[in-house]
C-alpha atoms as a PDB file:
ATOM      1  CA  ILE A   1     153.899  -8.888  50.771  1.00  0.00           C
ATOM      2  CA  SER A   2     154.306  -7.896  47.161  1.00  0.00           C
ATOM      3  CA  ALA A   3     156.862  -5.439  46.003  1.00  0.00           C
ATOM      4  CA  THR A   4     153.992  -2.866  45.033  1.00  0.00           C
ATOM      5  CA  ALA A   5     152.745  -2.990  48.584  1.00  0.00           C
ATOM      6  CA  SER A   6     156.026  -2.727  49.904  1.00  0.00           C
ATOM      7  CA  LYS A   7     156.766   0.471  47.892  1.00  0.00           C
ATOM      8  CA  LYS A   8     153.422   2.252  48.976  1.00  0.00           C
ATOM      9  CA  MET A   9     154.044   1.159  52.566  1.00  0.00           C
ATOM     10  CA  LEU A  10     157.509   3.026  52.364  1.00  0.00           C
ATOM     11  CA  VAL A  11     156.026   6.202  50.661  1.00  0.00           C
ATOM     12  CA  VAL A  12     153.333   6.226  53.347  1.00  0.00           C
ATOM     13  CA  CYS A  13     156.183   5.878  56.191  1.00  0.00           C
ATOM     14  CA  VAL A  14     158.251   8.372  54.607  1.00  0.00           C
ATOM     15  CA  VAL A  15     155.271  11.116  54.239  1.00  0.00           C
ATOM     16  CA  ALA A  16     154.321  10.410  57.774  1.00  0.00           C
ATOM     17  CA  MET A  17     158.013  10.756  58.914  1.00  0.00           C
ATOM     18  CA  MET A  18     157.933  14.329  57.231  1.00  0.00           C
ATOM     19  CA  MET A  19     154.856  15.444  58.551  1.00  0.00           C
ATOM     20  CA  MET A  20     155.895  14.814  62.026  1.00  0.00           C
ATOM     21  CA  MET A  21     159.197  16.478  61.374  1.00  0.00           C
ATOM     22  CA  MET A  22     157.228  19.535  60.068  1.00  0.00           C
ATOM     23  CA  THR A  23     155.116  19.569  63.122  1.00  0.00           C
ATOM     24  CA  THR A  24     158.022  19.380  65.382  1.00  0.00           C
ATOM     25  CA  GLU A  25     159.788  22.306  63.458  1.00  0.00           C
ATOM     26  CA  ALA A  26     156.616  24.490  63.520  1.00  0.00           C
ATOM     27  CA  ALA A  27     156.053  23.830  67.363  1.00  0.00           C
ATOM     28  CA  ALA A  28     159.832  25.141  67.869  1.00  0.00           C
ATOM     29  CA  VAL A  29     159.076  28.310  65.821  1.00  0.00           C
ATOM     30  CA  LEU A  30     155.842  29.062  67.501  1.00  0.00           C
ATOM     31  CA  LYS A  31     157.522  28.652  70.978  1.00  0.00           C
ATOM     32  CA  THR A  32     160.489  30.932  70.081  1.00  0.00           C
ATOM     33  CA  GLY A  33     158.026  33.560  68.339  1.00  0.00           C
ATOM     34  CA  GLY A  34     159.974  33.593  65.248  1.00  0.00           C
ATOM     35  CA  GLN A  35     162.850  32.045  63.104  1.00  0.00           C
ATOM     36  CA  LEU A  36     164.502  28.929  64.679  1.00  0.00           C
ATOM     37  CA  LYS A  37     168.217  29.442  64.715  1.00  0.00           C
ATOM     38  CA  HIS A  38     171.052  27.353  65.932  1.00  0.00           C
ATOM     39  CA  SER A  39     174.917  27.995  66.022  1.00  0.00           C
ATOM     40  CA  LEU A  40     177.175  25.364  65.104  1.00  0.00           C
ATOM     41  CA  LYS A  41     180.955  25.772  66.276  1.00  0.00           C
ATOM     42  CA  LEU A  42     183.388  25.153  63.602  1.00  0.00           C
ATOM     43  CA  HIS A  43     186.413  26.338  65.291  1.00  0.00           C
ATOM     44  CA  LYS A  44     187.255  27.918  68.605  1.00  0.00           C
ATOM     45  CA  LYS A  45     187.334  31.356  66.861  1.00  0.00           C
ATOM     46  CA  SER A  46     184.326  31.024  64.357  1.00  0.00           C
ATOM     47  CA  SER A  47     180.687  29.845  64.401  1.00  0.00           C
ATOM     48  CA  LEU A  48     178.283  29.411  61.813  1.00  0.00           C
ATOM     49  CA  ALA A  49     174.582  30.230  62.313  1.00  0.00           C
ATOM     50  CA  LEU A  50     172.283  27.577  60.701  1.00  0.00           C
ATOM     51  CA  GLU A  51     168.345  28.612  59.872  1.00  0.00           C
ATOM     52  CA  MET A  52     166.025  25.747  60.136  1.00  0.00           C
ATOM     53  CA  VAL A  53     163.002  26.006  58.041  1.00  0.00           C
ATOM     54  CA  PRO A  54     160.026  23.794  58.249  1.00  0.00           C
ATOM     55  CA  LEU A  55     159.595  21.261  55.409  1.00  0.00           C
ATOM     56  CA  GLN A  56     156.558  21.616  53.429  1.00  0.00           C
ATOM     57  CA  LEU A  57     155.489  18.637  51.346  1.00  0.00           C
ATOM     58  CA  ASP A  58     153.007  18.922  48.814  1.00  0.00           C
ATOM     59  CA  PRO A  59     151.048  15.587  48.496  1.00  0.00           C
ATOM     60  CA  ASN A  60     149.971  16.793  44.931  1.00  0.00           C
ATOM     61  CA  ALA A  61     153.497  16.595  43.745  1.00  0.00           C
ATOM     62  CA  LEU A  62     154.078  12.889  44.832  1.00  0.00           C
ATOM     63  CA  VAL A  63     154.299  10.492  42.041  1.00  0.00           C
ATOM     64  CA  PRO A  64     151.608   7.907  42.097  1.00  0.00           C
ATOM     65  CA  SER A  65     152.821   4.452  42.357  1.00  0.00           C
ATOM     66  CA  GLY A  66     151.882   2.540  39.212  1.00  0.00           C
ATOM     67  CA  ASN A  67     152.471  -0.877  38.142  1.00  0.00           C
ATOM     68  CA  PHE A  68     156.110  -0.739  37.255  1.00  0.00           C
ATOM     69  CA  ARG A  69     157.824  -3.662  35.417  1.00  0.00           C
ATOM     70  CA  ALA A  70     160.251  -5.450  37.958  1.00  0.00           C
ATOM     71  CA  LEU A  71     163.387  -4.734  36.241  1.00  0.00           C
ATOM     72  CA  GLU A  72     165.629  -7.081  38.550  1.00  0.00           C
ATOM     73  CA  ASN A  73     164.460 -10.362  36.615  1.00  0.00           C
ATOM     74  CA  ALA A  74     164.085  -8.675  32.981  1.00  0.00           C
ATOM     75  CA  SER A  75     167.513  -7.229  32.906  1.00  0.00           C
ATOM     76  CA  ILE A  76     170.350  -9.145  31.111  1.00  0.00           C
ATOM     77  CA  SER A  77     172.333  -8.347  34.256  1.00  0.00           C
ATOM     78  CA  PRO A  78     169.753  -9.694  37.232  1.00  0.00           C
ATOM     79  CA  TRP A  79     170.068  -8.997  40.744  1.00  0.00           C
ATOM     80  CA  THR A  80     168.195  -9.692  43.952  1.00  0.00           C
ATOM     81  CA  TYR A  81     167.520  -7.405  46.816  1.00  0.00           C
ATOM     82  CA  ASN A  82     169.114  -7.938  50.470  1.00  0.00           C
ATOM     83  CA  PHE A  83     167.177  -6.261  53.095  1.00  0.00           C
ATOM     84  CA  SER A  84     168.724  -4.746  56.164  1.00  0.00           C
ATOM     85  CA  SER A  85     167.659  -5.928  59.539  1.00  0.00           C
ATOM     86  CA  ASP A  86     169.004  -2.739  61.220  1.00  0.00           C
ATOM     87  CA  GLU A  87     166.026  -1.554  63.121  1.00  0.00           C
ATOM     88  CA  SER A  88     167.465   1.789  64.017  1.00  0.00           C
ATOM     89  CA  LEU A  89     167.572   2.960  60.196  1.00  0.00           C
ATOM     90  CA  PHE A  90     164.706   4.778  58.286  1.00  0.00           C
ATOM     91  CA  PRO A  91     163.704   4.035  55.736  1.00  0.00           C
ATOM     92  CA  PRO A  92     164.410   0.310  55.928  1.00  0.00           C
ATOM     93  CA  LEU A  93     167.452  -0.372  53.656  1.00  0.00           C
ATOM     94  CA  SER A  94     167.489  -2.819  50.780  1.00  0.00           C
ATOM     95  CA  GLU A  95     170.590  -3.246  48.700  1.00  0.00           C
ATOM     96  CA  ALA A  96     170.850  -4.869  45.210  1.00  0.00           C
ATOM     97  CA  ARG A  97     173.301  -7.743  44.725  1.00  0.00           C
ATOM     98  CA  CYS A  98     174.231  -8.901  41.066  1.00  0.00           C
ATOM     99  CA  LEU A  99     173.325 -12.562  40.539  1.00  0.00           C
ATOM    100  CA  LEU A 100     175.823 -13.140  37.847  1.00  0.00           C
ATOM    101  CA  HIS A 101     179.493 -12.402  36.942  1.00  0.00           C
ATOM    102  CA  GLY A 102     178.708 -12.081  33.336  1.00  0.00           C
ATOM    103  CA  CYS A 103     175.581 -11.008  31.465  1.00  0.00           C
ATOM    104  CA  LEU A 104     172.960 -12.755  29.608  1.00  0.00           C
ATOM    105  CA  ASP A 105     172.841 -13.134  26.101  1.00  0.00           C
ATOM    106  CA  LYS A 106     170.251 -13.717  23.534  1.00  0.00           C
ATOM    107  CA  LYS A 107     169.751 -17.468  24.290  1.00  0.00           C
ATOM    108  CA  GLY A 108     169.675 -16.735  28.203  1.00  0.00           C
ATOM    109  CA  GLN A 109     173.218 -18.002  28.727  1.00  0.00           C
ATOM    110  CA  GLU A 110     175.731 -16.154  30.924  1.00  0.00           C
ATOM    111  CA  ASP A 111     178.341 -14.327  28.616  1.00  0.00           C
ATOM    112  CA  LEU A 112     181.592 -13.607  30.347  1.00  0.00           C
ATOM    113  CA  ASN A 113     182.667 -11.136  27.709  1.00  0.00           C
ATOM    114  CA  LEU A 114     180.575  -8.751  29.645  1.00  0.00           C
ATOM    115  CA  GLU A 115     180.581  -7.933  33.237  1.00  0.00           C
ATOM    116  CA  SER A 116     177.783  -7.440  35.635  1.00  0.00           C
ATOM    117  CA  LYS A 117     178.428  -4.401  37.802  1.00  0.00           C
ATOM    118  CA  PRO A 118     176.240  -2.761  40.661  1.00  0.00           C
ATOM    119  CA  ILE A 119     174.744   0.664  40.088  1.00  0.00           C
ATOM    120  CA  MET A 120     175.712   2.880  43.256  1.00  0.00           C
ATOM    121  CA  ARG A 121     173.696   5.482  44.468  1.00  0.00           C
ATOM    122  CA  GLN A 122     174.198   7.946  47.383  1.00  0.00           C
ATOM    123  CA  VAL A 123     171.026   7.842  49.970  1.00  0.00           C
ATOM    124  CA  LEU A 124     170.162   9.687  52.973  1.00  0.00           C
ATOM    125  CA  LEU A 125     169.119   7.645  55.923  1.00  0.00           C
ATOM    126  CA  LEU A 126     167.971   8.583  59.626  1.00  0.00           C
ATOM    127  CA  ARG A 127     169.416   6.456  62.137  1.00  0.00           C
ATOM    128  CA  ARG A 128     167.614   6.328  65.665  1.00  0.00           C
ATOM    129  CA  VAL A 129     170.330   7.154  68.404  1.00  0.00           C
ATOM    130  CA  ARG A 130     169.698   7.156  72.144  1.00  0.00           C
ATOM    131  CA  SER A 131     170.197  10.650  73.482  1.00  0.00           C
ATOM    132  CA  ALA A 132     173.173  11.404  75.676  1.00  0.00           C
ATOM    133  CA  GLY A 133     171.521  12.460  78.632  1.00  0.00           C
ATOM    134  CA  ALA A 134     169.044   9.660  78.957  1.00  0.00           C
ATOM    135  CA  GLU A 135     168.850   8.121  82.176  1.00  0.00           C
ATOM    136  CA  SER A 136     169.233   4.338  82.496  1.00  0.00           C
ATOM    137  CA  GLY A 137     166.131   3.888  84.733  1.00  0.00           C
ATOM    138  CA  ALA A 138     163.809   6.172  82.961  1.00  0.00           C
ATOM    139  CA  GLU A 139     161.887   6.160  79.748  1.00  0.00           C
ATOM    140  CA  GLN A 140     164.707   6.051  77.079  1.00  0.00           C
ATOM    141  CA  SER A 141     164.979   9.370  74.950  1.00  0.00           C
ATOM    142  CA  TYR A 142     166.077   9.181  71.223  1.00  0.00           C
ATOM    143  CA  HIS A 143     166.888  11.410  68.336  1.00  0.00           C
ATOM    144  CA  PHE A 144     167.229  10.792  64.736  1.00  0.00           C
ATOM    145  CA  ARG A 145     170.910  11.425  63.023  1.00  0.00           C
ATOM    146  CA  LEU A 146     171.076  11.881  59.252  1.00  0.00           C
ATOM    147  CA  GLU A 147     173.585   9.517  57.660  1.00  0.00           C
ATOM    148  CA  SER A 148     174.636   9.334  53.989  1.00  0.00           C
ATOM    149  CA  ARG A 149     175.327   5.744  52.451  1.00  0.00           C
ATOM    150  CA  LEU A 150     176.568   4.639  49.107  1.00  0.00           C
ATOM    151  CA  ILE A 151     174.144   1.583  48.088  1.00  0.00           C
ATOM    152  CA  ALA A 152     173.789  -0.586  45.060  1.00  0.00           C
ATOM    153  CA  VAL A 153     170.017  -0.010  43.710  1.00  0.00           C
ATOM    154  CA  GLY A 154     170.517  -2.439  40.606  1.00  0.00           C
ATOM    155  CA  CYS A 155     173.180  -3.978  38.269  1.00  0.00           C
ATOM    156  CA  THR A 156     174.119  -3.126  34.753  1.00  0.00           C
ATOM    157  CA  CYS A 157     176.297  -4.776  32.064  1.00  0.00           C
ATOM    158  CA  VAL A 158     179.735  -3.273  31.238  1.00  0.00           C
ATOM    159  CA  ARG A 159     182.403  -4.282  28.799  1.00  0.00           C
ATOM    160  CA  VAL A 160     185.343  -6.044  30.564  1.00  0.00           C
ATOM    161  CA  ASN A 161     188.251  -3.557  31.069  1.00  0.00           C
ATOM    162  CA  VAL A 162     191.449  -5.136  29.977  1.00  0.00           C
ATOM    163  CA  GLN A 163     194.651  -3.017  30.142  1.00  0.00           C
ATOM    164  CA  ARG A 164     197.630  -4.288  28.192  1.00  0.00           C
ATOM    165  CA  GLN A 165     201.032  -3.769  29.338  1.00  0.00           C
ATOM    166  CA  GLN A 166     203.732  -2.404  27.034  1.00  0.00           C
END
C-alpha cells in the first residue's frame, strides 16, 4: 500500500468513525427528548455537569489529499516510521524514528556538529476497552476511551547544546 493510499484510508476511517459517533449522540438526544447531560463526580461535595453536543463534520471543510512530497527521505534529518501493532488503538499509530545521530551536509555525509532530534506532537487516540459489566459467556461489550499521547511525527536538525562549566 502506498503512503497516499494509506493516508486516504485513514481519512475515510476517521470520517466514518466521527459519523458513527454523531449518529449515536443524535439517537441519545432523541430518546431523552432534549439536551444530553451527564454529571461527573469530582469530589464528594461537588459535581460538574457536562453537556454533550453532537459533532457535526462538514465534508466540504476537509483538505483534499494531494500529492505531497515525502519529507522523511528529502530531509537533512531523515526518519522512518514505526507502525504500532496495538489493535485496540484508533487511528492506528505510526511514530517517527530518526535514522541518524547527526544531520546530512551538502555532500550527503553525516555531520555530527548538528543533532537529529524528533519533533514531538500530542495526539488524541481512541482505545477500545471491554466494558466492565460484560459477561464472559455472552457477546463482548466494548466502549472507546479517549487517550492523549506524545509521539514523534518527524525529525529536525538542531545545534549541539554544549554547556561549559565555570
